[in-house]
Protein backbone atom coordinates (compact mmCIF):
# COMPACT_ATOMS: atom_id res chain seq x y z
CA MET A 1 0.12 -0.08 -0.03
CA ASN A 2 1.03 3.72 -0.25
CA SER A 3 1.57 5.14 2.97
CA GLN A 4 1.92 8.60 1.26
CA LYS A 5 -0.17 11.20 3.02
CA PRO A 6 -2.89 12.80 -0.15
CA SER A 7 -2.00 16.16 -0.66
CA ASN A 8 -4.31 18.93 0.36
CA ALA A 9 -6.04 20.40 -2.89
CA TYR A 10 -7.21 23.32 -1.40
CA ALA A 11 -3.54 23.91 -0.21
CA ASP A 12 -2.06 23.58 -3.66
CA MET A 13 -4.64 25.56 -5.20
CA ARG A 14 -4.04 28.32 -2.73
CA ARG A 15 -0.25 28.17 -3.55
CA SER A 16 -1.01 28.42 -7.06
CA ALA A 17 -3.13 31.14 -6.75
CA THR A 18 -0.76 32.96 -4.46
CA ILE A 19 1.90 32.48 -7.06
CA LEU A 20 -0.12 33.70 -10.11
CA ALA A 21 -1.19 36.76 -7.61
CA GLN A 22 2.60 37.67 -7.00
CA ASP A 23 3.21 37.36 -10.81
CA ALA A 24 0.38 39.40 -11.56
CA MET A 25 1.48 42.22 -9.08
CA ARG A 26 5.21 42.00 -10.60
CA LEU A 27 3.54 42.60 -13.84
CA ALA A 28 1.34 45.63 -12.75
CA ASP A 29 4.81 47.07 -11.16
CA LEU A 30 6.55 46.68 -14.46
CA GLN A 31 3.90 48.00 -16.38
CA ILE A 32 3.92 51.09 -13.94
CA GLN A 33 7.65 51.30 -14.36
CA LEU A 34 7.18 51.52 -18.04
CA LEU A 35 4.50 54.02 -18.09
CA VAL A 36 6.70 56.13 -16.10
CA LEU A 37 9.70 55.76 -18.54
CA ASP A 38 7.35 56.51 -21.20
CA ILE A 39 6.31 59.58 -19.75
CA THR A 40 9.34 60.70 -18.87
CA GLU A 41 10.62 60.36 -22.83
CA PHE A 42 7.77 61.63 -24.01
CA TRP A 43 8.31 65.00 -22.13
CA TYR A 44 12.12 64.64 -23.10
CA ARG A 45 10.98 64.47 -27.06
CA ALA A 46 8.24 67.31 -26.45
CA ARG A 47 10.50 69.82 -25.12
CA PHE A 48 11.01 71.52 -28.32
CA GLY A 49 7.67 71.43 -29.46
CA ILE A 50 6.73 72.65 -26.06
CA ALA A 51 9.05 75.52 -26.34
CA LEU A 52 7.69 76.59 -29.95
CA ALA A 53 4.23 76.40 -28.25
CA VAL A 54 5.47 78.88 -25.62
CA ILE A 55 6.88 80.94 -28.39
CA GLY A 56 3.74 80.92 -30.65
CA ILE A 57 1.85 81.82 -27.55
CA ALA A 58 3.59 84.75 -26.64
CA ILE A 59 3.45 86.24 -29.84
CA LEU A 60 -0.17 85.79 -30.18
CA LEU A 61 -0.61 87.20 -26.93
CA GLY A 62 1.65 90.15 -28.08
CA THR A 63 -0.33 90.99 -30.94
CA LEU A 64 -3.93 90.47 -29.33
CA PRO A 65 -3.87 94.22 -27.85
CA ILE A 66 -3.07 95.35 -31.23
CA PHE A 67 -5.92 93.16 -32.82
CA ILE A 68 -8.33 94.27 -30.27
CA LEU A 69 -7.62 97.94 -30.74
CA SER A 70 -7.84 97.66 -34.37
CA ILE A 71 -11.32 96.03 -34.25
CA ALA A 72 -12.38 99.22 -31.65
CA GLU A 73 -10.99 101.60 -34.34
CA PHE A 74 -13.10 99.98 -36.82
CA VAL A 75 -16.17 100.25 -34.49
CA HIS A 76 -15.44 103.79 -33.91
CA ALA A 77 -15.03 104.49 -37.63
CA ASN A 78 -18.37 102.78 -38.55
CA SER A 79 -20.82 103.77 -35.74
CA GLN A 80 -21.49 106.85 -33.78
CA LEU A 81 -19.83 105.58 -30.94
CA SER A 82 -16.66 107.39 -29.25
CA GLU A 83 -13.17 106.15 -29.30
CA ALA A 84 -13.53 105.42 -25.75
CA ALA A 85 -16.99 103.50 -25.90
CA SER A 86 -15.59 101.62 -28.91
CA GLU A 87 -12.58 100.37 -27.07
CA GLY A 88 -14.72 99.51 -24.06
CA ILE A 89 -17.21 97.72 -26.02
CA VAL A 90 -14.61 95.37 -27.48
CA ALA A 91 -12.57 94.74 -24.33
CA VAL A 92 -15.62 93.78 -22.46
CA ILE A 93 -16.48 91.26 -25.09
CA ALA A 94 -12.98 89.89 -25.48
CA VAL A 95 -12.69 89.79 -21.32
CA GLY A 96 -15.87 87.79 -21.81
CA MET A 97 -15.10 85.43 -24.47
CA GLY A 98 -11.80 84.93 -22.73
CA GLY A 99 -13.31 84.01 -19.24
CA ILE A 100 -15.72 81.56 -20.71
CA ALA A 101 -12.60 79.73 -22.68
CA LEU A 102 -10.82 79.89 -19.45
CA TRP A 103 -13.65 78.69 -17.56
CA ALA A 104 -14.26 75.84 -20.12
CA SER A 105 -10.66 74.73 -20.12
CA LEU A 106 -10.24 74.57 -16.39
CA ARG A 107 -13.60 72.83 -16.33
CA ARG A 108 -12.27 70.06 -18.77
CA LEU A 109 -8.94 69.84 -17.27
CA THR A 110 -10.58 69.19 -13.59
CA GLN A 111 -12.81 66.46 -15.28
CA ALA A 112 -9.48 64.88 -16.74
CA GLY A 113 -7.76 64.52 -13.65
CA GLU A 114 -10.59 63.13 -11.84
CA SER A 115 -10.63 60.14 -13.98
CA LEU A 116 -6.72 59.93 -13.53
CA GLN A 117 -7.42 59.84 -9.97
CA HIS A 118 -10.21 57.30 -9.87
CA SER A 119 -7.94 54.88 -12.10
CA GLN A 120 -4.91 55.70 -9.46
CA VAL A 121 -7.50 54.63 -6.69
CA GLU A 122 -8.55 51.53 -8.26
CA LEU A 123 -5.00 50.14 -8.93
CA ARG A 124 -4.06 51.07 -5.58
CA ALA A 125 -7.37 49.07 -4.17
CA ASN A 126 -6.78 46.18 -6.46
CA ILE A 127 -3.01 45.75 -5.18
CA ASP A 128 -3.74 45.97 -1.61
CA TRP A 129 -6.55 43.27 -2.02
CA LEU A 130 -4.03 41.25 -3.75
CA ARG A 131 -1.45 41.66 -0.91
CA SER A 132 -4.06 40.89 1.60
CA VAL A 133 -5.07 37.68 0.13
CA ILE A 134 -1.59 36.59 -0.31
CA ASN A 135 -0.40 37.47 2.96
CA ARG A 136 -3.34 35.75 4.56
CA ASP A 137 -2.23 33.22 7.21
CA ASP A 138 -3.16 29.57 5.89
CA GLU A 139 -6.47 28.89 7.68
């Protein structure tokens, strides 16, 4: 007869599941490290493009007052309004448009940031759960 004690199927399954979970955690960690490297490389490669964008924005912002004053002069020349009234009306419209654009931009950026935080919280919760399952003492 075989005097060898039969193995506990539950213990074997738990060991296999623990090894699988450890491998999954290692894989998740490596994927996060890769993401950090990819983001770092993106910013390194994007520096020149960002610098050009900053230069372009500076030029546009520098010419914006001239553009607004030109519109005000056009309004003054083609209406019965005084020069000051024309400039004031055009300035109020420009400030309103800029304010609306800024408000919409901040709202979108806030929403985008919330989705990233949600993913981070979920990832952390999943990793914590896997660790609790792996580190639980045998019953």
